[in-house]
Amino acid sequence: MNVIKKVDKFNFQKLKMDATSEDPAVRKNIFIEYFERFEEFPSYLFDNSQGIDKLLFDTIQDLTNDSKTSDNMQKGITILMSRLSSPR
């Protein structure tokens, strides 16, 4: 008999709170969790209209410099940074 693993319901309020936390470890963990679930980063939570938000940038740098960050996540970072860096 196949057992289907139930995925927890997505909690947007927790995502927003953790992704914008002043604690770098909390931000990093929620970015990893979000990426593993949705294959993208929650950059839409930040105001990047005048350049990349500092909390977002610091979190992406932390992930980029972490040797445990998967190749797939590194590709996601590259895509995100090219999208955020392109003229609007």
PDB file of N, CA and C in Angstrom:
ATOM      1  N   MET A   1       0.842  -1.188   0.000  1.00  0.00           N
ATOM      2  CA  MET A   1       0.000   0.000   0.000  1.00  0.00           C
ATOM      3  C   MET A   1       0.882   1.244   0.000  1.00  0.00           C
ATOM      4  N   ASN A   2       0.587   2.178  -0.882  1.00  0.00           N
ATOM      5  CA  ASN A   2       1.349   3.416  -0.957  1.00  0.00           C
ATOM      6  C   ASN A   2       0.873   4.391   0.109  1.00  0.00           C
ATOM      7  N   VAL A   3       1.827   5.004   0.769  1.00  0.00           N
ATOM      8  CA  VAL A   3       1.506   6.006   1.780  1.00  0.00           C
ATOM      9  C   VAL A   3       1.847   7.370   1.198  1.00  0.00           C
ATOM     10  N   ILE A   4       0.878   8.251   1.184  1.00  0.00           N
ATOM     11  CA  ILE A   4       1.094   9.599   0.666  1.00  0.00           C
ATOM     12  C   ILE A   4       1.405  10.514   1.835  1.00  0.00           C
ATOM     13  N   LYS A   5       2.554  11.177   1.738  1.00  0.00           N
ATOM     14  CA  LYS A   5       2.960  12.101   2.789  1.00  0.00           C
ATOM     15  C   LYS A   5       2.170  13.394   2.638  1.00  0.00           C
ATOM     16  N   LYS A   6       1.482  13.772   3.688  1.00  0.00           N
ATOM     17  CA  LYS A   6       0.691  15.000   3.665  1.00  0.00           C
ATOM     18  C   LYS A   6       1.610  16.195   3.903  1.00  0.00           C
ATOM     19  N   VAL A   7       1.503  17.181   3.021  1.00  0.00           N
ATOM     20  CA  VAL A   7       2.292  18.399   3.133  1.00  0.00           C
ATOM     21  C   VAL A   7       1.532  19.386   4.007  1.00  0.00           C
ATOM     22  N   ASP A   8       2.237  20.002   4.939  1.00  0.00           N
ATOM     23  CA  ASP A   8       1.608  21.003   5.798  1.00  0.00           C
ATOM     24  C   ASP A   8       1.064  22.147   4.952  1.00  0.00           C
ATOM     25  N   LYS A   9      -0.041  22.697   5.399  1.00  0.00           N
ATOM     26  CA  LYS A   9      -0.633  23.839   4.718  1.00  0.00           C
ATOM     27  C   LYS A   9       0.339  25.013   4.781  1.00  0.00           C
ATOM     28  N   PHE A  10       0.434  25.727   3.673  1.00  0.00           N
ATOM     29  CA  PHE A  10       1.332  26.868   3.594  1.00  0.00           C
ATOM     30  C   PHE A  10       0.823  27.997   4.478  1.00  0.00           C
ATOM     31  N   ASN A  11       1.710  28.552   5.303  1.00  0.00           N
ATOM     32  CA  ASN A  11       1.352  29.622   6.228  1.00  0.00           C
ATOM     33  C   ASN A  11       2.038  30.914   5.780  1.00  0.00           C
ATOM     34  N   PHE A  12       1.300  31.749   5.047  1.00  0.00           N
ATOM     35  CA  PHE A  12       1.869  32.974   4.498  1.00  0.00           C
ATOM     36  C   PHE A  12       2.337  33.935   5.584  1.00  0.00           C
ATOM     37  N   GLN A  13       1.588  34.058   6.665  1.00  0.00           N
ATOM     38  CA  GLN A  13       1.964  34.994   7.732  1.00  0.00           C
ATOM     39  C   GLN A  13       3.292  34.605   8.377  1.00  0.00           C
ATOM     40  N   LYS A  14       3.499  33.302   8.588  1.00  0.00           N
ATOM     41  CA  LYS A  14       4.768  32.835   9.152  1.00  0.00           C
ATOM     42  C   LYS A  14       5.903  33.090   8.163  1.00  0.00           C
ATOM     43  N   LEU A  15       5.641  32.834   6.886  1.00  0.00           N
ATOM     44  CA  LEU A  15       6.651  33.100   5.861  1.00  0.00           C
ATOM     45  C   LEU A  15       7.071  34.563   5.907  1.00  0.00           C
ATOM     46  N   LYS A  16       6.102  35.456   5.889  1.00  0.00           N
ATOM     47  CA  LYS A  16       6.399  36.888   5.872  1.00  0.00           C
ATOM     48  C   LYS A  16       7.179  37.305   7.119  1.00  0.00           C
ATOM     49  N   MET A  17       6.758  36.796   8.269  1.00  0.00           N
ATOM     50  CA  MET A  17       7.431  37.138   9.521  1.00  0.00           C
ATOM     51  C   MET A  17       8.879  36.619   9.523  1.00  0.00           C
ATOM     52  N   ASP A  18       9.070  35.363   9.128  1.00  0.00           N
ATOM     53  CA  ASP A  18      10.408  34.767   9.157  1.00  0.00           C
ATOM     54  C   ASP A  18      11.317  35.325   8.059  1.00  0.00           C
ATOM     55  N   ALA A  19      10.773  35.547   6.871  1.00  0.00           N
ATOM     56  CA  ALA A  19      11.588  36.031   5.753  1.00  0.00           C
ATOM     57  C   ALA A  19      12.095  37.446   5.978  1.00  0.00           C
ATOM     58  N   THR A  20      11.389  38.215   6.783  1.00  0.00           N
ATOM     59  CA  THR A  20      11.807  39.595   7.051  1.00  0.00           C
ATOM     60  C   THR A  20      12.378  39.764   8.460  1.00  0.00           C
ATOM     61  N   SER A  21      12.684  38.650   9.102  1.00  0.00           N
ATOM     62  CA  SER A  21      13.247  38.672  10.455  1.00  0.00           C
ATOM     63  C   SER A  21      14.630  39.327  10.453  1.00  0.00           C
ATOM     64  N   GLU A  22      14.969  39.953  11.560  1.00  0.00           N
ATOM     65  CA  GLU A  22      16.316  40.515  11.713  1.00  0.00           C
ATOM     66  C   GLU A  22      17.351  39.417  11.957  1.00  0.00           C
ATOM     67  N   ASP A  23      16.910  38.230  12.325  1.00  0.00           N
ATOM     68  CA  ASP A  23      17.804  37.102  12.609  1.00  0.00           C
ATOM     69  C   ASP A  23      18.179  36.403  11.296  1.00  0.00           C
ATOM     70  N   PRO A  24      19.447  36.466  10.895  1.00  0.00           N
ATOM     71  CA  PRO A  24      19.867  35.865   9.621  1.00  0.00           C
ATOM     72  C   PRO A  24      19.592  34.366   9.525  1.00  0.00           C
ATOM     73  N   ALA A  25      19.714  33.642  10.623  1.00  0.00           N
ATOM     74  CA  ALA A  25      19.481  32.192  10.598  1.00  0.00           C
ATOM     75  C   ALA A  25      18.011  31.876  10.329  1.00  0.00           C
ATOM     76  N   VAL A  26      17.123  32.663  10.905  1.00  0.00           N
ATOM     77  CA  VAL A  26      15.685  32.471  10.682  1.00  0.00           C
ATOM     78  C   VAL A  26      15.360  32.736   9.212  1.00  0.00           C
ATOM     79  N   ARG A  27      15.893  33.832   8.672  1.00  0.00           N
ATOM     80  CA  ARG A  27      15.656  34.163   7.259  1.00  0.00           C
ATOM     81  C   ARG A  27      16.186  33.058   6.353  1.00  0.00           C
ATOM     82  N   LYS A  28      17.397  32.618   6.618  1.00  0.00           N
ATOM     83  CA  LYS A  28      18.019  31.591   5.779  1.00  0.00           C
ATOM     84  C   LYS A  28      17.184  30.314   5.792  1.00  0.00           C
ATOM     85  N   ASN A  29      16.745  29.894   6.955  1.00  0.00           N
ATOM     86  CA  ASN A  29      15.957  28.664   7.056  1.00  0.00           C
ATOM     87  C   ASN A  29      14.639  28.754   6.294  1.00  0.00           C
ATOM     88  N   ILE A  30      13.959  29.887   6.384  1.00  0.00           N
ATOM     89  CA  ILE A  30      12.676  30.002   5.676  1.00  0.00           C
ATOM     90  C   ILE A  30      12.903  30.101   4.176  1.00  0.00           C
ATOM     91  N   PHE A  31      13.995  30.702   3.741  1.00  0.00           N
ATOM     92  CA  PHE A  31      14.311  30.753   2.314  1.00  0.00           C
ATOM     93  C   PHE A  31      14.569  29.346   1.781  1.00  0.00           C
ATOM     94  N   ILE A  32      15.288  28.540   2.549  1.00  0.00           N
ATOM     95  CA  ILE A  32      15.552  27.153   2.145  1.00  0.00           C
ATOM     96  C   ILE A  32      14.238  26.375   2.079  1.00  0.00           C
ATOM     97  N   GLU A  33      13.436  26.497   3.120  1.00  0.00           N
ATOM     98  CA  GLU A  33      12.150  25.790   3.170  1.00  0.00           C
ATOM     99  C   GLU A  33      11.257  26.198   1.997  1.00  0.00           C
ATOM    100  N   TYR A  34      11.190  27.487   1.724  1.00  0.00           N
ATOM    101  CA  TYR A  34      10.354  27.991   0.638  1.00  0.00           C
ATOM    102  C   TYR A  34      10.865  27.483  -0.707  1.00  0.00           C
ATOM    103  N   PHE A  35      12.177  27.523  -0.904  1.00  0.00           N
ATOM    104  CA  PHE A  35      12.744  27.065  -2.173  1.00  0.00           C
ATOM    105  C   PHE A  35      12.485  25.576  -2.384  1.00  0.00           C
ATOM    106  N   GLU A  36      12.661  24.788  -1.346  1.00  0.00           N
ATOM    107  CA  GLU A  36      12.439  23.342  -1.468  1.00  0.00           C
ATOM    108  C   GLU A  36      10.983  23.028  -1.806  1.00  0.00           C
ATOM    109  N   ARG A  37      10.096  23.877  -1.393  1.00  0.00           N
ATOM    110  CA  ARG A  37       8.670  23.646  -1.646  1.00  0.00           C
ATOM    111  C   ARG A  37       8.202  24.206  -2.988  1.00  0.00           C
ATOM    112  N   PHE A  38       8.706  25.399  -3.355  1.00  0.00           N
ATOM    113  CA  PHE A  38       8.190  26.099  -4.534  1.00  0.00           C
ATOM    114  C   PHE A  38       9.215  26.319  -5.647  1.00  0.00           C
ATOM    115  N   GLU A  39      10.472  25.939  -5.427  1.00  0.00           N
ATOM    116  CA  GLU A  39      11.536  26.109  -6.432  1.00  0.00           C
ATOM    117  C   GLU A  39      11.770  27.573  -6.800  1.00  0.00           C
ATOM    118  N   GLU A  40      11.564  28.466  -5.857  1.00  0.00           N
ATOM    119  CA  GLU A  40      11.853  29.886  -6.034  1.00  0.00           C
ATOM    120  C   GLU A  40      12.039  30.511  -4.655  1.00  0.00           C
ATOM    121  N   PHE A  41      12.470  31.754  -4.638  1.00  0.00           N
ATOM    122  CA  PHE A  41      12.682  32.456  -3.377  1.00  0.00           C
ATOM    123  C   PHE A  41      11.588  33.507  -3.185  1.00  0.00           C
ATOM    124  N   PRO A  42      11.258  33.840  -1.936  1.00  0.00           N
ATOM    125  CA  PRO A  42      10.168  34.793  -1.674  1.00  0.00           C
ATOM    126  C   PRO A  42      10.605  36.248  -1.804  1.00  0.00           C
ATOM    127  N   SER A  43      11.188  36.594  -2.935  1.00  0.00           N
ATOM    128  CA  SER A  43      11.694  37.957  -3.121  1.00  0.00           C
ATOM    129  C   SER A  43      10.571  38.986  -3.183  1.00  0.00           C
ATOM    130  N   TYR A  44       9.362  38.538  -3.486  1.00  0.00           N
ATOM    131  CA  TYR A  44       8.219  39.447  -3.583  1.00  0.00           C
ATOM    132  C   TYR A  44       7.844  40.070  -2.235  1.00  0.00           C
ATOM    133  N   LEU A  45       8.395  39.554  -1.150  1.00  0.00           N
ATOM    134  CA  LEU A  45       8.110  40.109   0.176  1.00  0.00           C
ATOM    135  C   LEU A  45       8.921  41.372   0.460  1.00  0.00           C
ATOM    136  N   PHE A  46       9.852  41.689  -0.416  1.00  0.00           N
ATOM    137  CA  PHE A  46      10.767  42.802  -0.193  1.00  0.00           C
ATOM    138  C   PHE A  46      10.551  43.882  -1.246  1.00  0.00           C
ATOM    139  N   ASP A  47      10.795  45.130  -0.854  1.00  0.00           N
ATOM    140  CA  ASP A  47      10.709  46.241  -1.797  1.00  0.00           C
ATOM    141  C   ASP A  47      12.055  46.351  -2.513  1.00  0.00           C
ATOM    142  N   ASN A  48      12.074  45.894  -3.749  1.00  0.00           N
ATOM    143  CA  ASN A  48      13.302  45.917  -4.543  1.00  0.00           C
ATOM    144  C   ASN A  48      13.232  46.961  -5.654  1.00  0.00           C
ATOM    145  N   SER A  49      12.339  47.921  -5.524  1.00  0.00           N
ATOM    146  CA  SER A  49      12.146  48.914  -6.579  1.00  0.00           C
ATOM    147  C   SER A  49      13.314  49.894  -6.699  1.00  0.00           C
ATOM    148  N   GLN A  50      14.028  50.134  -5.634  1.00  0.00           N
ATOM    149  CA  GLN A  50      15.171  51.053  -5.653  1.00  0.00           C
ATOM    150  C   GLN A  50      16.497  50.306  -5.516  1.00  0.00           C
ATOM    151  N   GLY A  51      16.499  49.042  -5.854  1.00  0.00           N
ATOM    152  CA  GLY A  51      17.673  48.191  -5.670  1.00  0.00           C
ATOM    153  C   GLY A  51      17.273  47.019  -4.793  1.00  0.00           C
ATOM    154  N   ILE A  52      18.154  46.073  -4.682  1.00  0.00           N
ATOM    155  CA  ILE A  52      17.853  44.868  -3.914  1.00  0.00           C
ATOM    156  C   ILE A  52      17.824  45.193  -2.422  1.00  0.00           C
ATOM    157  N   ASP A  53      16.746  44.800  -1.773  1.00  0.00           N
ATOM    158  CA  ASP A  53      16.578  45.004  -0.335  1.00  0.00           C
ATOM    159  C   ASP A  53      17.760  44.396   0.426  1.00  0.00           C
ATOM    160  N   LYS A  54      18.233  45.074   1.458  1.00  0.00           N
ATOM    161  CA  LYS A  54      19.409  44.619   2.205  1.00  0.00           C
ATOM    162  C   LYS A  54      19.195  43.256   2.865  1.00  0.00           C
ATOM    163  N   LEU A  55      18.042  43.026   3.490  1.00  0.00           N
ATOM    164  CA  LEU A  55      17.795  41.725   4.124  1.00  0.00           C
ATOM    165  C   LEU A  55      17.775  40.607   3.081  1.00  0.00           C
ATOM    166  N   LEU A  56      17.147  40.868   1.949  1.00  0.00           N
ATOM    167  CA  LEU A  56      17.123  39.883   0.866  1.00  0.00           C
ATOM    168  C   LEU A  56      18.538  39.627   0.364  1.00  0.00           C
ATOM    169  N   PHE A  57      19.287  40.687   0.112  1.00  0.00           N
ATOM    170  CA  PHE A  57      20.655  40.550  -0.386  1.00  0.00           C
ATOM    171  C   PHE A  57      21.530  39.770   0.597  1.00  0.00           C
ATOM    172  N   ASP A  58      21.451  40.111   1.870  1.00  0.00           N
ATOM    173  CA  ASP A  58      22.261  39.418   2.883  1.00  0.00           C
ATOM    174  C   ASP A  58      21.918  37.932   2.960  1.00  0.00           C
ATOM    175  N   THR A  59      20.633  37.617   2.851  1.00  0.00           N
ATOM    176  CA  THR A  59      20.212  36.215   2.910  1.00  0.00           C
ATOM    177  C   THR A  59      20.712  35.453   1.690  1.00  0.00           C
ATOM    178  N   ILE A  60      20.604  36.059   0.520  1.00  0.00           N
ATOM    179  CA  ILE A  60      21.089  35.414  -0.708  1.00  0.00           C
ATOM    180  C   ILE A  60      22.601  35.218  -0.632  1.00  0.00           C
ATOM    181  N   GLN A  61      23.327  36.200  -0.107  1.00  0.00           N
ATOM    182  CA  GLN A  61      24.782  36.053   0.046  1.00  0.00           C
ATOM    183  C   GLN A  61      25.113  34.913   0.997  1.00  0.00           C
ATOM    184  N   ASP A  62      24.376  34.815   2.086  1.00  0.00           N
ATOM    185  CA  ASP A  62      24.582  33.741   3.057  1.00  0.00           C
ATOM    186  C   ASP A  62      24.370  32.383   2.390  1.00  0.00           C
ATOM    187  N   LEU A  63      23.307  32.251   1.611  1.00  0.00           N
ATOM    188  CA  LEU A  63      23.041  30.994   0.903  1.00  0.00           C
ATOM    189  C   LEU A  63      24.113  30.709  -0.148  1.00  0.00           C
ATOM    190  N   THR A  64      24.531  31.737  -0.870  1.00  0.00           N
ATOM    191  CA  THR A  64      25.552  31.575  -1.906  1.00  0.00           C
ATOM    192  C   THR A  64      26.862  31.081  -1.316  1.00  0.00           C
ATOM    193  N   ASN A  65      27.224  31.598  -0.166  1.00  0.00           N
ATOM    194  CA  ASN A  65      28.503  31.250   0.459  1.00  0.00           C
ATOM    195  C   ASN A  65      28.468  29.957   1.267  1.00  0.00           C
ATOM    196  N   ASP A  66      27.302  29.368   1.428  1.00  0.00           N
ATOM    197  CA  ASP A  66      27.154  28.138   2.209  1.00  0.00           C
ATOM    198  C   ASP A  66      27.444  26.929   1.320  1.00  0.00           C
ATOM    199  N   SER A  67      28.437  26.137   1.696  1.00  0.00           N
ATOM    200  CA  SER A  67      28.818  24.967   0.892  1.00  0.00           C
ATOM    201  C   SER A  67      27.715  23.910   0.851  1.00  0.00           C
ATOM    202  N   LYS A  68      26.754  23.978   1.765  1.00  0.00           N
ATOM    203  CA  LYS A  68      25.655  23.007   1.792  1.00  0.00           C
ATOM    204  C   LYS A  68      24.502  23.389   0.857  1.00  0.00           C
ATOM    205  N   THR A  69      24.562  24.577   0.263  1.00  0.00           N
ATOM    206  CA  THR A  69      23.511  25.001  -0.653  1.00  0.00           C
ATOM    207  C   THR A  69      23.589  24.161  -1.921  1.00  0.00           C
ATOM    208  N   SER A  70      22.472  23.533  -2.281  1.00  0.00           N
ATOM    209  CA  SER A  70      22.434  22.620  -3.431  1.00  0.00           C
ATOM    210  C   SER A  70      22.694  23.350  -4.751  1.00  0.00           C
ATOM    211  N   ASP A  71      23.105  22.573  -5.751  1.00  0.00           N
ATOM    212  CA  ASP A  71      23.319  23.140  -7.085  1.00  0.00           C
ATOM    213  C   ASP A  71      22.025  23.744  -7.630  1.00  0.00           C
ATOM    214  N   ASN A  72      20.913  23.066  -7.390  1.00  0.00           N
ATOM    215  CA  ASN A  72      19.622  23.567  -7.857  1.00  0.00           C
ATOM    216  C   ASN A  72      19.296  24.917  -7.211  1.00  0.00           C
ATOM    217  N   MET A  73      19.579  25.045  -5.927  1.00  0.00           N
ATOM    218  CA  MET A  73      19.325  26.303  -5.231  1.00  0.00           C
ATOM    219  C   MET A  73      20.286  27.387  -5.731  1.00  0.00           C
ATOM    220  N   GLN A  74      21.534  27.024  -6.010  1.00  0.00           N
ATOM    221  CA  GLN A  74      22.498  27.990  -6.560  1.00  0.00           C
ATOM    222  C   GLN A  74      22.007  28.516  -7.911  1.00  0.00           C
ATOM    223  N   LYS A  75      21.438  27.627  -8.734  1.00  0.00           N
ATOM    224  CA  LYS A  75      20.871  28.058 -10.021  1.00  0.00           C
ATOM    225  C   LYS A  75      19.705  29.013  -9.781  1.00  0.00           C
ATOM    226  N   GLY A  76      18.882  28.702  -8.788  1.00  0.00           N
ATOM    227  CA  GLY A  76      17.768  29.578  -8.442  1.00  0.00           C
ATOM    228  C   GLY A  76      18.246  30.957  -8.011  1.00  0.00           C
ATOM    229  N   ILE A  77      19.343  30.989  -7.269  1.00  0.00           N
ATOM    230  CA  ILE A  77      19.928  32.263  -6.833  1.00  0.00           C
ATOM    231  C   ILE A  77      20.392  33.064  -8.043  1.00  0.00           C
ATOM    232  N   THR A  78      21.061  32.394  -8.978  1.00  0.00           N
ATOM    233  CA  THR A  78      21.541  33.063 -10.190  1.00  0.00           C
ATOM    234  C   THR A  78      20.377  33.667 -10.969  1.00  0.00           C
ATOM    235  N   ILE A  79      19.309  32.903 -11.121  1.00  0.00           N
ATOM    236  CA  ILE A  79      18.125  33.395 -11.839  1.00  0.00           C
ATOM    237  C   ILE A  79      17.510  34.587 -11.107  1.00  0.00           C
ATOM    238  N   LEU A  80      17.369  34.472  -9.796  1.00  0.00           N
ATOM    239  CA  LEU A  80      16.799  35.563  -9.003  1.00  0.00           C
ATOM    240  C   LEU A  80      17.637  36.830  -9.140  1.00  0.00           C
ATOM    241  N   MET A  81      18.936  36.703  -8.997  1.00  0.00           N
ATOM    242  CA  MET A  81      19.800  37.885  -9.048  1.00  0.00           C
ATOM    243  C   MET A  81      19.784  38.525 -10.434  1.00  0.00           C
ATOM    244  N   SER A  82      19.718  37.724 -11.492  1.00  0.00           N
ATOM    245  CA  SER A  82      19.665  38.311 -12.835  1.00  0.00           C
ATOM    246  C   SER A  82      18.330  39.030 -13.047  1.00  0.00           C
ATOM    247  N   ARG A  83      17.264  38.480 -12.492  1.00  0.00           N
ATOM    248  CA  ARG A  83      15.948  39.117 -12.610  1.00  0.00           C
ATOM    249  C   ARG A  83      15.904  40.426 -11.824  1.00  0.00           C
ATOM    250  N   LEU A  84      16.460  40.421 -10.616  1.00  0.00           N
ATOM    251  CA  LEU A  84      16.438  41.627  -9.784  1.00  0.00           C
ATOM    252  C   LEU A  84      17.389  42.699 -10.297  1.00  0.00           C
ATOM    253  N   SER A  85      18.434  42.284 -10.999  1.00  0.00           N
ATOM    254  CA  SER A  85      19.433  43.229 -11.493  1.00  0.00           C
ATOM    255  C   SER A  85      19.055  43.831 -12.839  1.00  0.00           C
ATOM    256  N   SER A  86      18.103  43.218 -13.541  1.00  0.00           N
ATOM    257  CA  SER A  86      17.759  43.703 -14.874  1.00  0.00           C
ATOM    258  C   SER A  86      16.924  44.976 -14.779  1.00  0.00           C
ATOM    259  N   PRO A  87      17.093  45.859 -15.771  1.00  0.00           N
ATOM    260  CA  PRO A  87      16.300  47.097 -15.770  1.00  0.00           C
ATOM    261  C   PRO A  87      14.819  46.785 -15.921  1.00  0.00           C
ATOM    262  N   ARG A  88      14.011  47.616 -15.307  1.00  0.00           N
ATOM    263  CA  ARG A  88      12.558  47.387 -15.367  1.00  0.00           C
ATOM    264  C   ARG A  88      11.931  48.292 -16.391  1.00  0.00           C
TER     265      ARG A  88
END
